[in-house]
N, C-alpha and C. Protein backbone atom coordinates (compact mmCIF):
# COMPACT_ATOMS: atom_id res chain seq x y z
N MET A 1 64.93 45.66 -60.44
CA MET A 1 64.98 45.99 -59.03
C MET A 1 63.69 45.50 -58.37
N SER A 2 63.81 44.86 -57.21
CA SER A 2 62.64 44.31 -56.53
C SER A 2 61.89 45.41 -55.78
N LEU A 3 60.67 45.11 -55.39
CA LEU A 3 59.85 46.06 -54.65
C LEU A 3 60.50 46.41 -53.31
N LYS A 4 61.07 45.42 -52.64
CA LYS A 4 61.73 45.68 -51.36
C LYS A 4 62.92 46.61 -51.54
N GLU A 5 63.69 46.42 -52.62
CA GLU A 5 64.84 47.28 -52.87
C GLU A 5 64.39 48.70 -53.18
N THR A 6 63.26 48.82 -53.86
CA THR A 6 62.76 50.14 -54.24
C THR A 6 62.23 50.90 -53.04
N LEU A 7 61.44 50.24 -52.20
CA LEU A 7 60.79 50.94 -51.09
C LEU A 7 61.69 51.06 -49.87
N HIS A 8 62.08 49.97 -49.32
CA HIS A 8 62.93 49.97 -48.13
C HIS A 8 63.26 48.54 -47.79
N GLU A 9 64.41 48.33 -47.24
CA GLU A 9 64.84 46.98 -46.91
C GLU A 9 63.90 46.29 -45.93
N ASP A 10 63.32 47.06 -45.00
CA ASP A 10 62.44 46.49 -43.98
C ASP A 10 60.96 46.54 -44.38
N PHE A 11 60.68 46.83 -45.64
CA PHE A 11 59.29 46.91 -46.10
C PHE A 11 58.60 45.57 -45.90
N ASN A 12 57.37 45.60 -45.40
CA ASN A 12 56.61 44.38 -45.16
C ASN A 12 55.19 44.59 -45.66
N LEU A 13 54.71 43.71 -46.50
CA LEU A 13 53.36 43.77 -47.04
C LEU A 13 52.51 42.75 -46.31
N ASN A 14 51.38 43.18 -45.79
CA ASN A 14 50.51 42.28 -45.03
C ASN A 14 49.13 42.28 -45.70
N LEU A 15 48.71 41.14 -46.22
CA LEU A 15 47.40 40.99 -46.85
C LEU A 15 46.52 40.09 -46.01
N SER A 16 45.24 40.39 -45.99
CA SER A 16 44.31 39.52 -45.27
C SER A 16 43.09 39.26 -46.15
N PHE A 17 42.48 38.08 -45.94
CA PHE A 17 41.37 37.64 -46.78
C PHE A 17 40.28 37.02 -45.94
N GLY A 18 39.04 37.32 -46.26
CA GLY A 18 37.87 36.65 -45.70
C GLY A 18 37.18 35.94 -46.85
N VAL A 19 37.00 34.63 -46.75
CA VAL A 19 36.46 33.85 -47.86
C VAL A 19 35.18 33.17 -47.41
N HIS A 20 34.10 33.40 -48.17
CA HIS A 20 32.78 32.84 -47.87
C HIS A 20 32.14 32.43 -49.18
N LEU A 21 31.19 31.55 -49.12
CA LEU A 21 30.51 31.05 -50.31
C LEU A 21 29.03 31.37 -50.20
N GLY A 22 28.47 31.93 -51.26
CA GLY A 22 27.04 32.23 -51.26
C GLY A 22 26.66 32.97 -52.52
N SER A 23 25.38 33.18 -52.69
CA SER A 23 24.89 33.86 -53.89
C SER A 23 25.01 35.37 -53.75
N GLY A 24 24.96 36.04 -54.87
CA GLY A 24 25.02 37.50 -54.90
C GLY A 24 24.41 38.01 -56.18
N VAL A 25 24.15 39.30 -56.21
CA VAL A 25 23.57 39.94 -57.39
C VAL A 25 24.52 41.04 -57.84
N GLU A 26 24.79 41.06 -59.14
CA GLU A 26 25.63 42.11 -59.71
C GLU A 26 24.71 43.16 -60.32
N GLY A 27 25.01 44.41 -60.06
CA GLY A 27 24.19 45.48 -60.62
C GLY A 27 25.03 46.70 -60.92
N THR A 28 24.48 47.58 -61.73
CA THR A 28 25.19 48.81 -62.07
C THR A 28 24.46 49.99 -61.44
N THR A 29 25.23 50.96 -60.99
CA THR A 29 24.70 52.20 -60.45
C THR A 29 25.46 53.34 -61.10
N GLY A 30 24.86 54.51 -61.09
CA GLY A 30 25.56 55.67 -61.63
C GLY A 30 24.68 56.52 -62.51
N SER A 31 25.33 57.24 -63.41
CA SER A 31 24.63 58.17 -64.31
C SER A 31 25.11 57.96 -65.72
N ASN A 32 24.73 58.86 -66.61
CA ASN A 32 25.19 58.77 -68.01
C ASN A 32 26.69 59.00 -68.14
N PHE A 33 27.30 59.63 -67.14
CA PHE A 33 28.72 59.97 -67.21
C PHE A 33 29.62 58.97 -66.50
N LYS A 34 29.07 58.28 -65.53
CA LYS A 34 29.88 57.33 -64.78
C LYS A 34 29.00 56.16 -64.33
N ILE A 35 29.49 54.96 -64.57
CA ILE A 35 28.76 53.76 -64.16
C ILE A 35 29.69 52.92 -63.28
N ASP A 36 29.17 52.49 -62.16
CA ASP A 36 29.91 51.62 -61.24
C ASP A 36 29.20 50.28 -61.17
N ILE A 37 29.98 49.22 -61.13
CA ILE A 37 29.43 47.89 -60.95
C ILE A 37 29.51 47.56 -59.47
N SER A 38 28.41 47.09 -58.92
CA SER A 38 28.35 46.74 -57.51
C SER A 38 27.82 45.33 -57.35
N TYR A 39 28.16 44.73 -56.23
CA TYR A 39 27.67 43.40 -55.91
C TYR A 39 26.89 43.51 -54.61
N PHE A 40 25.67 42.96 -54.63
CA PHE A 40 24.78 43.08 -53.49
C PHE A 40 24.43 41.69 -52.96
N SER A 41 24.65 41.49 -51.67
CA SER A 41 24.29 40.22 -51.06
C SER A 41 24.71 40.22 -49.60
N PRO A 42 23.92 39.62 -48.75
CA PRO A 42 24.38 39.44 -47.38
C PRO A 42 25.65 38.59 -47.32
N ASN A 43 25.81 37.70 -48.30
CA ASN A 43 27.01 36.85 -48.35
C ASN A 43 28.26 37.66 -48.61
N ILE A 44 28.17 38.65 -49.46
CA ILE A 44 29.32 39.51 -49.74
C ILE A 44 29.66 40.33 -48.50
N ASN A 45 28.63 40.83 -47.83
CA ASN A 45 28.87 41.58 -46.60
C ASN A 45 29.52 40.69 -45.54
N PHE A 46 29.12 39.42 -45.49
CA PHE A 46 29.70 38.51 -44.51
C PHE A 46 31.16 38.23 -44.84
N ALA A 47 31.51 38.09 -46.11
CA ALA A 47 32.91 37.90 -46.50
C ALA A 47 33.73 39.11 -46.07
N ARG A 48 33.17 40.29 -46.21
CA ARG A 48 33.85 41.51 -45.77
C ARG A 48 34.04 41.49 -44.24
N THR A 49 33.03 41.02 -43.53
CA THR A 49 33.13 40.90 -42.07
C THR A 49 34.25 39.93 -41.68
N LEU A 50 34.33 38.81 -42.42
CA LEU A 50 35.40 37.84 -42.14
C LEU A 50 36.77 38.47 -42.34
N GLU A 51 36.91 39.26 -43.39
CA GLU A 51 38.21 39.92 -43.63
C GLU A 51 38.52 40.88 -42.49
N ASN A 52 37.53 41.59 -42.00
CA ASN A 52 37.76 42.50 -40.87
C ASN A 52 38.14 41.74 -39.60
N LEU A 53 37.62 40.52 -39.45
CA LEU A 53 37.92 39.72 -38.27
C LEU A 53 39.36 39.18 -38.27
N THR A 54 40.04 39.22 -39.42
CA THR A 54 41.43 38.76 -39.45
C THR A 54 42.29 39.57 -38.48
N LYS A 55 41.97 40.83 -38.31
CA LYS A 55 42.72 41.68 -37.38
C LYS A 55 42.44 41.26 -35.94
N THR A 56 41.19 40.94 -35.64
CA THR A 56 40.80 40.53 -34.29
C THR A 56 41.50 39.25 -33.88
N TYR A 57 41.57 38.29 -34.81
CA TYR A 57 42.16 36.99 -34.51
C TYR A 57 43.64 36.89 -34.88
N SER A 58 44.22 37.96 -35.40
CA SER A 58 45.64 38.01 -35.77
C SER A 58 46.02 36.89 -36.74
N VAL A 59 45.21 36.73 -37.78
CA VAL A 59 45.48 35.76 -38.83
C VAL A 59 45.33 36.47 -40.18
N ASN A 60 45.88 35.88 -41.22
CA ASN A 60 45.78 36.48 -42.55
C ASN A 60 44.62 35.95 -43.37
N LEU A 61 44.03 34.84 -42.93
CA LEU A 61 42.99 34.18 -43.72
C LEU A 61 41.92 33.64 -42.79
N ILE A 62 40.66 33.99 -43.08
CA ILE A 62 39.54 33.39 -42.37
C ILE A 62 38.59 32.81 -43.41
N LEU A 63 38.23 31.55 -43.19
CA LEU A 63 37.32 30.83 -44.08
C LEU A 63 36.03 30.53 -43.33
N SER A 64 34.89 30.67 -44.01
CA SER A 64 33.64 30.27 -43.38
C SER A 64 33.48 28.76 -43.51
N ASN A 65 32.61 28.19 -42.70
CA ASN A 65 32.39 26.75 -42.79
C ASN A 65 31.80 26.35 -44.14
N ASP A 66 31.16 27.29 -44.85
CA ASP A 66 30.62 26.99 -46.18
C ASP A 66 31.74 26.68 -47.17
N ILE A 67 32.87 27.37 -47.06
CA ILE A 67 34.03 27.11 -47.92
C ILE A 67 34.71 25.81 -47.49
N VAL A 68 34.91 25.65 -46.21
CA VAL A 68 35.60 24.46 -45.70
C VAL A 68 34.85 23.19 -46.09
N TYR A 69 33.53 23.25 -46.11
CA TYR A 69 32.71 22.09 -46.48
C TYR A 69 33.06 21.58 -47.87
N TYR A 70 33.38 22.49 -48.81
CA TYR A 70 33.66 22.11 -50.20
C TYR A 70 35.13 21.83 -50.46
N MET A 71 35.99 21.98 -49.46
CA MET A 71 37.41 21.70 -49.65
C MET A 71 37.64 20.18 -49.68
N SER A 72 38.70 19.79 -50.33
CA SER A 72 39.07 18.37 -50.33
C SER A 72 39.50 17.98 -48.91
N ASP A 73 39.49 16.68 -48.63
CA ASP A 73 39.93 16.21 -47.31
C ASP A 73 41.37 16.63 -47.02
N ASP A 74 42.23 16.55 -48.05
CA ASP A 74 43.63 16.93 -47.87
C ASP A 74 43.75 18.41 -47.52
N ALA A 75 43.01 19.27 -48.21
CA ALA A 75 43.07 20.70 -47.94
C ALA A 75 42.44 21.02 -46.59
N ARG A 76 41.34 20.35 -46.27
CA ARG A 76 40.64 20.59 -45.00
C ARG A 76 41.53 20.22 -43.80
N ALA A 77 42.44 19.29 -44.00
CA ALA A 77 43.33 18.87 -42.92
C ALA A 77 44.23 20.02 -42.44
N TYR A 78 44.45 21.03 -43.29
CA TYR A 78 45.28 22.17 -42.91
C TYR A 78 44.50 23.25 -42.17
N THR A 79 43.18 23.14 -42.11
CA THR A 79 42.39 24.18 -41.46
C THR A 79 42.36 23.97 -39.95
N ARG A 80 42.14 25.07 -39.26
CA ARG A 80 42.01 25.06 -37.80
C ARG A 80 40.80 25.90 -37.43
N PRO A 81 39.86 25.34 -36.64
CA PRO A 81 38.71 26.16 -36.23
C PRO A 81 39.17 27.28 -35.30
N ILE A 82 38.58 28.46 -35.49
CA ILE A 82 38.92 29.61 -34.65
C ILE A 82 37.79 29.89 -33.67
N ASP A 83 36.56 30.00 -34.20
CA ASP A 83 35.46 30.47 -33.38
C ASP A 83 34.16 30.22 -34.13
N ALA A 84 33.06 30.60 -33.53
CA ALA A 84 31.77 30.63 -34.20
C ALA A 84 31.27 32.07 -34.08
N VAL A 85 30.74 32.61 -35.15
CA VAL A 85 30.28 34.00 -35.14
C VAL A 85 28.80 34.04 -35.44
N LEU A 86 28.14 34.98 -34.82
CA LEU A 86 26.73 35.23 -35.05
C LEU A 86 26.62 36.67 -35.52
N LYS A 87 26.10 36.86 -36.71
CA LYS A 87 26.01 38.21 -37.26
C LYS A 87 24.66 38.37 -37.91
N SER A 88 23.97 39.44 -37.57
CA SER A 88 22.70 39.72 -38.25
C SER A 88 22.96 40.76 -39.32
N ASP A 89 22.30 40.59 -40.45
CA ASP A 89 22.44 41.53 -41.55
C ASP A 89 21.21 42.43 -41.55
N LYS A 90 21.36 43.62 -41.01
CA LYS A 90 20.24 44.54 -40.88
C LYS A 90 19.97 45.33 -42.15
N SER A 91 20.80 45.12 -43.18
CA SER A 91 20.64 45.88 -44.42
C SER A 91 19.54 45.31 -45.31
N VAL A 92 19.00 44.16 -44.96
CA VAL A 92 17.93 43.57 -45.77
C VAL A 92 16.70 43.34 -44.90
N GLU A 93 15.54 43.35 -45.51
CA GLU A 93 14.29 43.23 -44.77
C GLU A 93 14.17 41.90 -44.04
N SER A 94 14.73 40.85 -44.61
CA SER A 94 14.57 39.52 -44.01
C SER A 94 15.38 39.35 -42.73
N LYS A 95 16.27 40.29 -42.43
CA LYS A 95 17.11 40.20 -41.24
C LYS A 95 17.83 38.86 -41.15
N ASN A 96 18.55 38.52 -42.21
CA ASN A 96 19.29 37.26 -42.23
C ASN A 96 20.26 37.21 -41.07
N ILE A 97 20.36 36.05 -40.46
CA ILE A 97 21.31 35.86 -39.37
C ILE A 97 22.30 34.79 -39.79
N PHE A 98 23.58 35.11 -39.71
CA PHE A 98 24.63 34.17 -40.04
C PHE A 98 25.17 33.59 -38.74
N ASN A 99 25.07 32.29 -38.59
CA ASN A 99 25.68 31.60 -37.46
C ASN A 99 26.68 30.65 -38.08
N LYS A 100 27.93 31.04 -38.14
CA LYS A 100 28.94 30.30 -38.89
C LYS A 100 30.15 29.99 -38.04
N GLU A 101 30.69 28.82 -38.26
CA GLU A 101 31.99 28.51 -37.70
C GLU A 101 33.03 29.11 -38.64
N ILE A 102 34.11 29.61 -38.07
CA ILE A 102 35.16 30.19 -38.91
C ILE A 102 36.46 29.44 -38.66
N TYR A 103 37.27 29.37 -39.71
CA TYR A 103 38.50 28.59 -39.72
C TYR A 103 39.62 29.44 -40.28
N THR A 104 40.84 28.99 -40.03
CA THR A 104 42.01 29.60 -40.65
C THR A 104 42.96 28.49 -41.08
N ILE A 105 43.96 28.87 -41.83
CA ILE A 105 45.07 27.98 -42.19
C ILE A 105 46.32 28.68 -41.69
N ASP A 106 47.02 28.06 -40.77
CA ASP A 106 48.23 28.67 -40.20
C ASP A 106 49.36 28.59 -41.21
N MET A 107 49.95 29.74 -41.47
CA MET A 107 51.07 29.83 -42.42
C MET A 107 52.16 30.69 -41.81
N ASP A 108 53.40 30.31 -42.02
CA ASP A 108 54.52 31.14 -41.63
C ASP A 108 54.90 31.97 -42.85
N LEU A 109 54.36 33.19 -42.92
CA LEU A 109 54.57 34.03 -44.10
C LEU A 109 56.02 34.50 -44.25
N LYS A 110 56.79 34.43 -43.18
CA LYS A 110 58.20 34.83 -43.27
C LYS A 110 59.01 33.80 -44.05
N CYS A 111 58.44 32.61 -44.23
CA CYS A 111 59.14 31.55 -44.97
C CYS A 111 58.87 31.62 -46.47
N LEU A 112 58.05 32.58 -46.91
CA LEU A 112 57.76 32.69 -48.34
C LEU A 112 59.02 33.10 -49.10
N GLN A 113 59.34 32.35 -50.11
CA GLN A 113 60.51 32.65 -50.93
C GLN A 113 60.07 32.81 -52.38
N PRO A 114 60.34 33.96 -53.00
CA PRO A 114 59.96 34.11 -54.40
C PRO A 114 60.84 33.24 -55.30
N SER A 115 60.24 32.70 -56.33
CA SER A 115 61.00 31.95 -57.33
C SER A 115 60.46 32.35 -58.69
N LYS A 116 61.26 32.16 -59.71
CA LYS A 116 60.83 32.52 -61.06
C LYS A 116 60.52 31.26 -61.84
N GLU A 117 59.41 31.31 -62.54
CA GLU A 117 59.02 30.20 -63.39
C GLU A 117 58.48 30.78 -64.69
N THR A 118 58.90 30.23 -65.81
CA THR A 118 58.45 30.73 -67.10
C THR A 118 57.38 29.81 -67.64
N LYS A 119 56.26 30.42 -68.07
CA LYS A 119 55.17 29.65 -68.66
C LYS A 119 54.97 30.13 -70.08
N ALA A 120 54.65 29.21 -70.95
CA ALA A 120 54.35 29.57 -72.34
C ALA A 120 52.84 29.72 -72.48
N ILE A 121 52.40 30.90 -72.87
CA ILE A 121 50.98 31.13 -73.13
C ILE A 121 50.88 31.61 -74.57
N GLY A 122 50.30 30.78 -75.42
CA GLY A 122 50.27 31.10 -76.84
C GLY A 122 51.69 31.15 -77.35
N ASP A 123 52.05 32.23 -78.01
CA ASP A 123 53.41 32.39 -78.51
C ASP A 123 54.27 33.22 -77.56
N GLU A 124 53.67 33.74 -76.49
CA GLU A 124 54.42 34.59 -75.58
C GLU A 124 54.96 33.78 -74.41
N LYS A 125 56.06 34.24 -73.86
CA LYS A 125 56.58 33.64 -72.62
C LYS A 125 56.41 34.67 -71.52
N ILE A 126 55.81 34.22 -70.44
CA ILE A 126 55.53 35.11 -69.32
C ILE A 126 56.26 34.58 -68.09
N THR A 127 56.98 35.46 -67.42
CA THR A 127 57.69 35.07 -66.20
C THR A 127 56.84 35.46 -65.01
N ASP A 128 56.53 34.49 -64.19
CA ASP A 128 55.74 34.72 -62.98
C ASP A 128 56.63 34.52 -61.77
N LYS A 129 56.42 35.34 -60.79
CA LYS A 129 57.06 35.09 -59.51
C LYS A 129 56.06 34.30 -58.68
N LEU A 130 56.41 33.08 -58.37
CA LEU A 130 55.54 32.22 -57.60
C LEU A 130 56.04 32.14 -56.17
N LEU A 131 55.14 32.06 -55.24
CA LEU A 131 55.51 31.97 -53.84
C LEU A 131 55.27 30.56 -53.34
N LYS A 132 56.23 30.06 -52.62
CA LYS A 132 56.09 28.75 -51.99
C LYS A 132 55.63 28.99 -50.57
N VAL A 133 54.48 28.46 -50.21
CA VAL A 133 53.90 28.70 -48.90
C VAL A 133 54.35 27.60 -47.95
N ALA A 134 54.87 28.03 -46.82
CA ALA A 134 55.27 27.07 -45.79
C ALA A 134 54.12 26.95 -44.81
N VAL A 135 53.45 25.84 -44.83
CA VAL A 135 52.32 25.60 -43.92
C VAL A 135 52.84 24.92 -42.69
N LEU A 136 52.47 25.47 -41.54
CA LEU A 136 52.90 24.90 -40.26
C LEU A 136 52.17 23.62 -39.98
């Protein structure tokens, strides 16, 4: 039984992503009873900001110009500039300021059709549901 059949016929899942490139530091916090892994960096905070901006711009994906720079020419051809953002990171002493152009890739998510494909991994066969993305 599919997820849509289980939940409701009109069920709709909406995911959004903010993608940025930069350095970060991984660290652990906690006590003897519980340890959490955290990632610290103005770059990580900026990626989170980009994800929050997806709601403002009504898109599912926002890419920083740092990511777009490393994309192939063919992939970059699908991007569309949205805006330029200026954000200061007050959480660090250096007061880093991000002045970045942001991009999106327009996709018609209603055209996504699940398909089944079987892959052999070692001796096991795994069935994956792959989505075909219709790019406008």
